[in-house]
Amino acid sequence: MSNAAPSTSPKVFTEIEQSDDFRRLKKKHRSFVLPVALLFLVWYFAYVLLADYAHDFMATPVFGNVNVGLLLGLGQFVTTFAITTWYVVYANRNLDPLAEKIRDEYEVPATTETTDTSTRTAGSTGKAGTAGTAGTAGTAGTSSRAAASSRAGKRARS
């Protein structure tokens, strides 16, 4: 099996960008990332401003030599790891399945038999202009289905 990247024309990229699935993927991504990023920035700048302008508050002892500033600073690290974990879980559940659907629908396997990727035939993937390259149209659908089946099997085993 070749490690070459699948060949896709600029026309196909435009078609993908205009598809409902891709728009839904972008909306789901933005609806998570933007609010979480804004909340984290507010939390971060609040910490910086408190550290700069509220010295007495930040120096308030909580227990032993541990003060409020130290706890809030450590909270920044905890928040970063929590957001990262939350995003990974969110992406695995909500973004990756949709991205894989888009990839499976539009991906054209690279072939070593021909370098002409501009000639495409309809039928093997169901999208006009996105099937296998000329000369391999009969086998492109089979290899795409086999690759998708292989990926599904790997997911089920893990």
C-alpha atoms as a PDB file:
ATOM      1  CA  MET A   1       0.000   0.000   0.000  1.00  0.00           C
ATOM      2  CA  SER A   2       1.342   3.419  -0.928  1.00  0.00           C
ATOM      3  CA  ASN A   3       1.927   6.148   1.649  1.00  0.00           C
ATOM      4  CA  ALA A   4       1.253   8.826  -0.962  1.00  0.00           C
ATOM      5  CA  ALA A   5      -1.387  11.373  -0.087  1.00  0.00           C
ATOM      6  CA  PRO A   6      -4.735  11.053  -1.841  1.00  0.00           C
ATOM      7  CA  SER A   7      -5.018  13.292  -4.872  1.00  0.00           C
ATOM      8  CA  THR A   8      -7.750  15.912  -4.729  1.00  0.00           C
ATOM      9  CA  SER A   9      -8.315  18.780  -7.119  1.00  0.00           C
ATOM     10  CA  PRO A  10      -9.041  22.389  -6.062  1.00  0.00           C
ATOM     11  CA  LYS A  11     -12.526  21.935  -7.496  1.00  0.00           C
ATOM     12  CA  VAL A  12     -13.149  19.108  -5.018  1.00  0.00           C
ATOM     13  CA  PHE A  13     -11.893  21.268  -2.121  1.00  0.00           C
ATOM     14  CA  THR A  14     -14.400  23.948  -3.110  1.00  0.00           C
ATOM     15  CA  GLU A  15     -17.141  21.333  -3.297  1.00  0.00           C
ATOM     16  CA  ILE A  16     -16.227  20.062   0.174  1.00  0.00           C
ATOM     17  CA  GLU A  17     -16.219  23.588   1.643  1.00  0.00           C
ATOM     18  CA  GLN A  18     -19.693  24.178   0.266  1.00  0.00           C
ATOM     19  CA  SER A  19     -21.123  20.870   1.488  1.00  0.00           C
ATOM     20  CA  ASP A  20     -23.637  20.784   4.341  1.00  0.00           C
ATOM     21  CA  ASP A  21     -21.527  18.268   6.281  1.00  0.00           C
ATOM     22  CA  PHE A  22     -18.460  20.522   6.187  1.00  0.00           C
ATOM     23  CA  ARG A  23     -20.488  23.559   7.240  1.00  0.00           C
ATOM     24  CA  ARG A  24     -21.964  21.537  10.102  1.00  0.00           C
ATOM     25  CA  LEU A  25     -18.446  20.440  11.100  1.00  0.00           C
ATOM     26  CA  LYS A  26     -17.200  24.054  11.127  1.00  0.00           C
ATOM     27  CA  LYS A  27     -20.230  25.168  13.143  1.00  0.00           C
ATOM     28  CA  LYS A  28     -19.735  22.417  15.745  1.00  0.00           C
ATOM     29  CA  HIS A  29     -16.032  23.242  16.017  1.00  0.00           C
ATOM     30  CA  ARG A  30     -16.632  26.973  16.408  1.00  0.00           C
ATOM     31  CA  SER A  31     -19.490  26.488  18.864  1.00  0.00           C
ATOM     32  CA  PHE A  32     -17.055  24.710  21.183  1.00  0.00           C
ATOM     33  CA  VAL A  33     -13.786  26.534  20.597  1.00  0.00           C
ATOM     34  CA  LEU A  34     -14.916  30.165  20.627  1.00  0.00           C
ATOM     35  CA  PRO A  35     -16.843  30.172  23.931  1.00  0.00           C
ATOM     36  CA  VAL A  36     -14.230  28.063  25.720  1.00  0.00           C
ATOM     37  CA  ALA A  37     -11.381  30.223  24.403  1.00  0.00           C
ATOM     38  CA  LEU A  38     -13.160  33.417  25.461  1.00  0.00           C
ATOM     39  CA  LEU A  39     -13.875  32.062  28.940  1.00  0.00           C
ATOM     40  CA  PHE A  40     -10.282  30.936  29.355  1.00  0.00           C
ATOM     41  CA  LEU A  41      -8.964  34.328  28.213  1.00  0.00           C
ATOM     42  CA  VAL A  42     -11.218  36.094  30.719  1.00  0.00           C
ATOM     43  CA  TRP A  43      -9.965  33.744  33.454  1.00  0.00           C
ATOM     44  CA  TYR A  44      -6.334  34.268  32.389  1.00  0.00           C
ATOM     45  CA  PHE A  45      -6.547  38.075  32.213  1.00  0.00           C
ATOM     46  CA  ALA A  46      -8.393  38.164  35.542  1.00  0.00           C
ATOM     47  CA  TYR A  47      -5.459  36.286  37.059  1.00  0.00           C
ATOM     48  CA  VAL A  48      -2.904  38.638  35.467  1.00  0.00           C
ATOM     49  CA  LEU A  49      -4.805  41.745  36.546  1.00  0.00           C
ATOM     50  CA  LEU A  50      -5.241  40.427  40.078  1.00  0.00           C
ATOM     51  CA  ALA A  51      -1.539  39.625  40.252  1.00  0.00           C
ATOM     52  CA  ASP A  52      -0.665  43.122  39.074  1.00  0.00           C
ATOM     53  CA  TYR A  53      -3.223  45.250  40.930  1.00  0.00           C
ATOM     54  CA  ALA A  54      -4.474  43.213  43.904  1.00  0.00           C
ATOM     55  CA  HIS A  55      -1.254  42.340  45.703  1.00  0.00           C
ATOM     56  CA  ASP A  56      -2.892  42.146  49.130  1.00  0.00           C
ATOM     57  CA  PHE A  57      -5.613  39.787  47.908  1.00  0.00           C
ATOM     58  CA  MET A  58      -3.165  37.537  46.049  1.00  0.00           C
ATOM     59  CA  ALA A  59      -0.885  37.434  49.115  1.00  0.00           C
ATOM     60  CA  THR A  60      -3.696  36.285  51.402  1.00  0.00           C
ATOM     61  CA  PRO A  61      -2.513  33.083  53.104  1.00  0.00           C
ATOM     62  CA  VAL A  62      -4.728  30.033  52.637  1.00  0.00           C
ATOM     63  CA  PHE A  63      -2.671  27.497  54.602  1.00  0.00           C
ATOM     64  CA  GLY A  64       0.996  27.491  55.541  1.00  0.00           C
ATOM     65  CA  ASN A  65       3.034  29.279  52.858  1.00  0.00           C
ATOM     66  CA  VAL A  66       0.326  28.754  50.225  1.00  0.00           C
ATOM     67  CA  ASN A  67      -1.518  31.916  49.268  1.00  0.00           C
ATOM     68  CA  VAL A  68      -4.403  32.802  46.940  1.00  0.00           C
ATOM     69  CA  GLY A  69      -2.017  33.834  44.121  1.00  0.00           C
ATOM     70  CA  LEU A  70      -0.284  30.477  44.146  1.00  0.00           C
ATOM     71  CA  LEU A  71      -3.590  28.583  44.055  1.00  0.00           C
ATOM     72  CA  LEU A  72      -4.918  30.725  41.208  1.00  0.00           C
ATOM     73  CA  GLY A  73      -1.651  30.265  39.305  1.00  0.00           C
ATOM     74  CA  LEU A  74      -1.826  26.499  39.695  1.00  0.00           C
ATOM     75  CA  GLY A  75      -5.473  26.753  38.662  1.00  0.00           C
ATOM     76  CA  GLN A  76      -4.287  28.110  35.308  1.00  0.00           C
ATOM     77  CA  PHE A  77      -2.387  24.878  34.664  1.00  0.00           C
ATOM     78  CA  VAL A  78      -5.291  22.725  35.836  1.00  0.00           C
ATOM     79  CA  THR A  79      -7.666  24.683  33.604  1.00  0.00           C
ATOM     80  CA  THR A  80      -5.404  24.240  30.583  1.00  0.00           C
ATOM     81  CA  PHE A  81      -5.258  20.464  31.005  1.00  0.00           C
ATOM     82  CA  ALA A  82      -8.999  20.272  31.723  1.00  0.00           C
ATOM     83  CA  ILE A  83      -9.866  22.232  28.575  1.00  0.00           C
ATOM     84  CA  THR A  84      -7.516  20.071  26.497  1.00  0.00           C
ATOM     85  CA  THR A  85      -9.105  16.887  27.832  1.00  0.00           C
ATOM     86  CA  TRP A  86     -12.591  18.288  27.324  1.00  0.00           C
ATOM     87  CA  TYR A  87     -11.797  19.237  23.725  1.00  0.00           C
ATOM     88  CA  VAL A  88     -10.333  15.814  22.925  1.00  0.00           C
ATOM     89  CA  VAL A  89     -13.471  14.110  24.248  1.00  0.00           C
ATOM     90  CA  TYR A  90     -15.707  16.573  22.380  1.00  0.00           C
ATOM     91  CA  ALA A  91     -13.755  16.151  19.135  1.00  0.00           C
ATOM     92  CA  ASN A  92     -13.749  12.359  19.371  1.00  0.00           C
ATOM     93  CA  ARG A  93     -17.510  12.269  19.894  1.00  0.00           C
ATOM     94  CA  ASN A  94     -18.730  15.147  17.728  1.00  0.00           C
ATOM     95  CA  LEU A  95     -16.119  16.277  15.219  1.00  0.00           C
ATOM     96  CA  ASP A  96     -14.164  13.190  14.202  1.00  0.00           C
ATOM     97  CA  PRO A  97     -17.164  11.114  13.016  1.00  0.00           C
ATOM     98  CA  LEU A  98     -18.327  13.971  10.799  1.00  0.00           C
ATOM     99  CA  ALA A  99     -14.798  14.640   9.505  1.00  0.00           C
ATOM    100  CA  GLU A 100     -14.377  10.947   8.720  1.00  0.00           C
ATOM    101  CA  LYS A 101     -17.700  10.924   6.867  1.00  0.00           C
ATOM    102  CA  ILE A 102     -16.541  13.856   4.750  1.00  0.00           C
ATOM    103  CA  ARG A 103     -13.136  12.260   4.160  1.00  0.00           C
ATOM    104  CA  ASP A 104     -14.663   8.913   3.164  1.00  0.00           C
ATOM    105  CA  GLU A 105     -17.083  10.632   0.811  1.00  0.00           C
ATOM    106  CA  TYR A 106     -14.510  12.728  -1.028  1.00  0.00           C
ATOM    107  CA  GLU A 107     -11.174  10.996  -0.594  1.00  0.00           C
ATOM    108  CA  VAL A 108      -9.607   9.664  -3.749  1.00  0.00           C
ATOM    109  CA  PRO A 109      -6.995   6.965  -3.212  1.00  0.00           C
ATOM    110  CA  ALA A 110      -3.643   7.757  -4.804  1.00  0.00           C
ATOM    111  CA  THR A 111      -2.642   5.326  -7.509  1.00  0.00           C
ATOM    112  CA  THR A 112       0.772   4.408  -8.777  1.00  0.00           C
ATOM    113  CA  GLU A 113      -0.534   3.300 -12.182  1.00  0.00           C
ATOM    114  CA  THR A 114      -1.145   6.803 -13.521  1.00  0.00           C
ATOM    115  CA  THR A 115      -0.209  10.337 -12.582  1.00  0.00           C
ATOM    116  CA  ASP A 116      -3.140  11.941 -14.394  1.00  0.00           C
ATOM    117  CA  THR A 117      -5.478  12.950 -11.581  1.00  0.00           C
ATOM    118  CA  SER A 118      -7.408  15.444 -13.647  1.00  0.00           C
ATOM    119  CA  THR A 119      -9.472  12.775 -15.411  1.00  0.00           C
ATOM    120  CA  ARG A 120     -12.046  11.386 -13.024  1.00  0.00           C
ATOM    121  CA  THR A 121     -15.110   9.244 -13.469  1.00  0.00           C
ATOM    122  CA  ALA A 122     -18.321   9.120 -11.475  1.00  0.00           C
ATOM    123  CA  GLY A 123     -19.590   6.005  -9.818  1.00  0.00           C
ATOM    124  CA  SER A 124     -17.041   4.607  -7.424  1.00  0.00           C
ATOM    125  CA  THR A 125     -17.666   7.057  -4.569  1.00  0.00           C
ATOM    126  CA  GLY A 126     -21.046   8.394  -5.601  1.00  0.00           C
ATOM    127  CA  LYS A 127     -19.758  11.934  -6.171  1.00  0.00           C
ATOM    128  CA  ALA A 128     -19.317  13.141  -9.719  1.00  0.00           C
ATOM    129  CA  GLY A 129     -15.743  14.191 -10.321  1.00  0.00           C
ATOM    130  CA  THR A 130     -14.367  12.546  -7.195  1.00  0.00           C
ATOM    131  CA  ALA A 131     -13.984   8.903  -8.146  1.00  0.00           C
ATOM    132  CA  GLY A 132     -10.770   7.069  -8.960  1.00  0.00           C
ATOM    133  CA  THR A 133      -8.377   8.181 -11.647  1.00  0.00           C
ATOM    134  CA  ALA A 134      -8.759   7.157 -15.256  1.00  0.00           C
ATOM    135  CA  GLY A 135      -7.783   3.591 -15.843  1.00  0.00           C
ATOM    136  CA  THR A 136      -8.569   2.545 -12.282  1.00  0.00           C
ATOM    137  CA  ALA A 137     -12.234   3.540 -12.037  1.00  0.00           C
ATOM    138  CA  GLY A 138     -13.370  -0.059 -11.708  1.00  0.00           C
ATOM    139  CA  THR A 139     -11.122  -0.736  -8.714  1.00  0.00           C
ATOM    140  CA  ALA A 140     -11.176   2.660  -6.987  1.00  0.00           C
ATOM    141  CA  GLY A 141     -14.559   2.067  -5.365  1.00  0.00           C
ATOM    142  CA  THR A 142     -13.508  -1.332  -4.131  1.00  0.00           C
ATOM    143  CA  SER A 143     -10.301  -0.007  -2.583  1.00  0.00           C
ATOM    144  CA  SER A 144     -12.166   2.938  -1.011  1.00  0.00           C
ATOM    145  CA  ARG A 145     -14.691   0.578   0.545  1.00  0.00           C
ATOM    146  CA  ALA A 146     -11.898  -1.718   1.697  1.00  0.00           C
ATOM    147  CA  ALA A 147     -10.007   1.198   3.265  1.00  0.00           C
ATOM    148  CA  ALA A 148     -13.154   2.446   5.009  1.00  0.00           C
ATOM    149  CA  SER A 149     -13.895  -1.075   6.214  1.00  0.00           C
ATOM    150  CA  SER A 150     -10.334  -1.408   7.469  1.00  0.00           C
ATOM    151  CA  ARG A 151     -10.603   1.888   9.406  1.00  0.00           C
ATOM    152  CA  ALA A 152     -13.919   0.782  10.897  1.00  0.00           C
ATOM    153  CA  GLY A 153     -12.347  -2.511  11.980  1.00  0.00           C
ATOM    154  CA  LYS A 154      -9.408  -0.708  13.614  1.00  0.00           C
ATOM    155  CA  ARG A 155     -11.807   1.542  15.553  1.00  0.00           C
ATOM    156  CA  ALA A 156     -13.809  -1.438  16.743  1.00  0.00           C
ATOM    157  CA  ARG A 157     -10.658  -3.208  17.997  1.00  0.00           C
ATOM    158  CA  SER A 158      -9.345  -0.186  19.897  1.00  0.00           C
END
